[in-house]
Protein backbone atom coordinates (compact mmCIF):
# COMPACT_ATOMS: atom_id res chain seq x y z
CA MET A 1 77.65 107.26 195.93
CA ALA A 2 79.53 110.30 194.95
CA SER A 3 79.24 111.50 191.34
CA ALA A 4 82.94 111.34 190.92
CA ASP A 5 82.96 107.67 191.65
CA LEU A 6 80.16 107.22 189.12
CA VAL A 7 82.15 109.21 186.52
CA THR A 8 85.13 106.99 187.24
CA GLN A 9 82.96 103.93 186.83
CA LEU A 10 81.44 105.26 183.56
CA GLN A 11 84.93 105.93 182.32
CA ASP A 12 86.04 102.40 183.13
CA GLN A 13 82.79 101.09 181.52
CA LEU A 14 83.47 103.01 178.36
CA HIS A 15 87.02 101.66 178.26
CA THR A 16 85.73 98.16 178.47
CA VAL A 17 83.17 98.63 175.77
CA SER A 18 85.85 100.08 173.39
CA LYS A 19 88.29 97.36 174.29
CA MET A 20 85.55 94.90 173.43
CA PHE A 21 84.89 96.50 170.09
CA PHE A 22 88.59 96.45 169.35
CA ASP A 23 88.97 92.80 170.22
CA PHE A 24 85.78 91.68 168.36
CA VAL A 25 86.73 93.38 165.23
CA GLY A 26 90.22 91.89 165.39
CA ILE A 27 88.72 88.40 166.07
CA LEU A 28 86.35 88.81 163.12
CA GLN A 29 89.15 90.05 160.78
CA ARG A 30 91.34 87.18 161.77
CA ASP A 31 88.95 84.27 161.81
CA ALA A 32 86.00 84.91 159.65
CA PRO A 33 86.08 83.61 156.13
CA PRO A 34 86.52 85.94 153.27
CA LEU A 35 83.35 87.06 151.41
CA PRO A 36 83.26 88.20 147.80
CA LEU A 37 82.76 91.93 147.04
CA ASP A 38 80.23 92.72 144.12
CA GLY A 39 80.12 89.16 142.96
CA GLU A 40 83.82 88.84 142.41
CA PRO A 41 85.08 85.22 142.75
CA LEU A 42 87.19 84.41 145.74
CA ALA A 43 90.66 83.29 145.33
CA PRO A 44 90.97 79.63 146.10
CA PRO A 45 92.62 78.95 149.57
CA PRO A 46 96.35 78.02 149.61
CA THR A 47 96.72 74.15 149.19
CA ALA A 48 99.95 73.88 151.10
CA VAL A 49 99.68 71.67 154.12
CA THR A 50 100.95 73.28 157.26
CA ALA A 51 103.03 71.54 159.72
CA ALA A 52 100.27 71.86 162.38
CA ALA A 53 97.67 70.35 160.07
CA SER A 54 99.93 67.47 158.99
CA ALA A 55 100.65 66.69 162.67
CA ALA A 56 96.97 66.35 163.34
CA ALA A 57 95.69 62.95 164.28
CA PRO A 58 94.26 60.87 161.42
CA GLY A 59 90.67 61.57 161.01
CA ASP A 60 91.04 64.88 162.62
CA GLY A 61 89.87 67.51 160.20
CA GLY A 62 92.28 70.05 161.74
CA PRO A 63 91.02 73.01 163.74
CA PRO A 64 87.26 73.55 163.74
CA ALA A 65 85.73 75.83 161.30
CA PHE A 66 84.97 79.35 162.61
CA ASP A 67 81.26 79.79 163.11
CA VAL A 68 80.73 83.39 162.19
CA GLU A 69 77.07 83.47 163.06
CA ALA A 70 77.45 81.95 166.52
CA THR A 71 80.46 84.06 167.36
CA THR A 72 78.85 87.27 166.25
CA GLN A 73 75.71 86.54 168.21
CA LEU A 74 77.92 85.86 171.29
CA MET A 75 79.82 89.10 170.78
CA ALA A 76 76.56 90.94 170.27
CA SER A 77 75.00 89.69 173.53
CA GLN A 78 78.23 90.66 175.36
CA LEU A 79 78.14 94.14 174.04
CA ILE A 80 74.39 94.45 174.83
CA ALA A 81 75.04 93.54 178.41
CA GLN A 82 77.98 96.15 178.56
CA PHE A 83 75.59 98.81 176.99
CA LYS A 84 73.03 98.07 179.59
CA ALA A 85 75.52 98.52 182.34
CA THR A 86 76.63 101.74 180.81
CA GLU A 87 73.14 103.04 180.54
CA ALA A 88 72.66 102.10 184.29
CA LEU A 89 75.67 104.09 185.20
CA ILE A 90 74.49 107.10 183.08
CA SER A 91 70.98 107.04 184.64
CA ALA A 92 72.60 107.00 188.16
CA LEU A 93 74.50 110.22 187.50
CA PRO A 94 72.91 113.16 189.22
CA PRO A 95 71.25 115.83 186.92
CA ALA A 96 73.58 118.54 185.72
CA PRO A 97 73.43 121.56 187.79
CA GLY A 98 72.23 124.83 186.20
CA PRO A 99 69.28 126.53 184.71
CA ASP A 100 66.96 124.85 182.35
CA GLY A 101 67.40 125.30 178.49
CA ALA A 102 65.26 128.56 178.10
CA ALA A 103 66.99 130.17 181.02
CA ALA A 104 70.34 129.06 179.75
CA SER A 105 69.76 130.42 176.41
CA ASP A 106 68.51 133.79 177.87
CA ARG A 107 71.54 133.93 180.12
CA ALA A 108 73.91 133.18 176.99
CA ARG A 109 72.04 135.94 174.96
CA ALA A 110 72.59 138.44 177.89
CA LEU A 111 76.24 137.46 178.29
CA GLN A 112 76.69 137.91 174.45
CA GLU A 113 75.20 141.41 174.58
CA GLU A 114 77.24 142.33 177.62
CA HIS A 115 80.29 141.08 175.73
CA ALA A 116 79.35 143.15 172.70
CA ALA A 117 79.00 146.33 174.91
CA VAL A 118 82.30 145.68 176.80
CA SER A 119 84.05 145.06 173.39
CA ALA A 120 82.74 148.32 171.92
CA ALA A 121 83.75 150.30 175.08
CA LEU A 122 87.30 148.58 174.88
CA ASP A 123 87.56 149.45 171.14
CA ALA A 124 86.74 153.00 171.88
CA ALA A 125 89.25 153.20 174.74
CA ALA A 126 91.83 151.60 172.40
CA ALA A 127 91.17 154.09 169.58
CA GLU A 128 91.34 157.05 172.20
CA ALA A 129 94.68 155.67 173.53
CA GLU A 130 96.06 155.35 169.94
CA ALA A 131 95.04 159.10 169.21
CA GLN A 132 96.75 160.20 172.45
CA LEU A 133 99.93 158.12 171.67
CA GLY A 134 100.07 159.74 168.26
CA GLU A 135 99.63 163.19 169.64
CA LEU A 136 102.33 162.47 172.28
CA GLN A 137 104.70 161.17 169.52
CA ARG A 138 104.06 164.35 167.45
CA LEU A 139 104.87 166.58 170.40
CA PHE A 140 107.98 164.68 171.29
CA ALA A 141 109.18 164.87 167.72
CA GLU A 142 108.64 168.79 167.76
CA LEU A 143 110.42 169.03 171.07
CA ALA A 144 113.33 166.98 169.90
CA ALA A 145 113.56 168.99 166.67
CA ALA A 146 113.50 172.23 168.61
CA ARG A 147 116.21 171.14 171.03
CA LEU A 148 118.46 169.93 168.12
CA ARG A 149 117.81 173.23 166.30
CA ASP A 150 118.73 175.31 169.48
CA ALA A 151 121.79 173.06 170.19
CA ARG A 152 123.17 173.68 166.61
CA ALA A 153 122.45 177.44 167.06
CA GLY A 154 124.63 177.44 170.23
CA VAL A 155 121.76 178.21 172.56
CA ALA A 156 122.62 177.09 176.09
CA LEU A 157 119.86 174.58 176.95
CA PRO A 158 118.79 173.60 180.38
CA PRO A 159 119.05 169.88 181.17
CA LEU A 160 115.97 167.84 180.46
CA PRO A 161 114.29 166.79 183.80
CA ALA A 162 115.11 163.26 184.91
CA VAL A 163 112.43 160.65 184.46
CA ASP A 164 111.96 158.15 187.43
């Protein structure tokens, strides 16, 4: 089986597990009876009789009580079955290609050193370019000032060469 198929199955399996968690928590929130916190007494349940309970047949105590213990055991067994299926899919995945841990850390260290050397060279080149740009700007300012001075003095100036 292709690893892409396994990955898709694993994604589907993880989606199923997360959906089960969502559903199970919702069921427990909805149906489980309240429990007191830190010994606080529980508020008594409402005494109003609902239409559904009053329509129940005589002798029928209404809907059956929610068995928290049995329900949680059932949910836990379903989750364990899904976890086992997930573990089986994970174990069926091929090993990740690449070097072992020590070789990977050596390669990472070498790449970091190479990055540091290239960064230093780039910083030096950028500093040199900044210095050259500053020098060119200074020379351009001197040339412009000289041309303005000569133009004000009435000196006939040759045209500047065209820049293509």
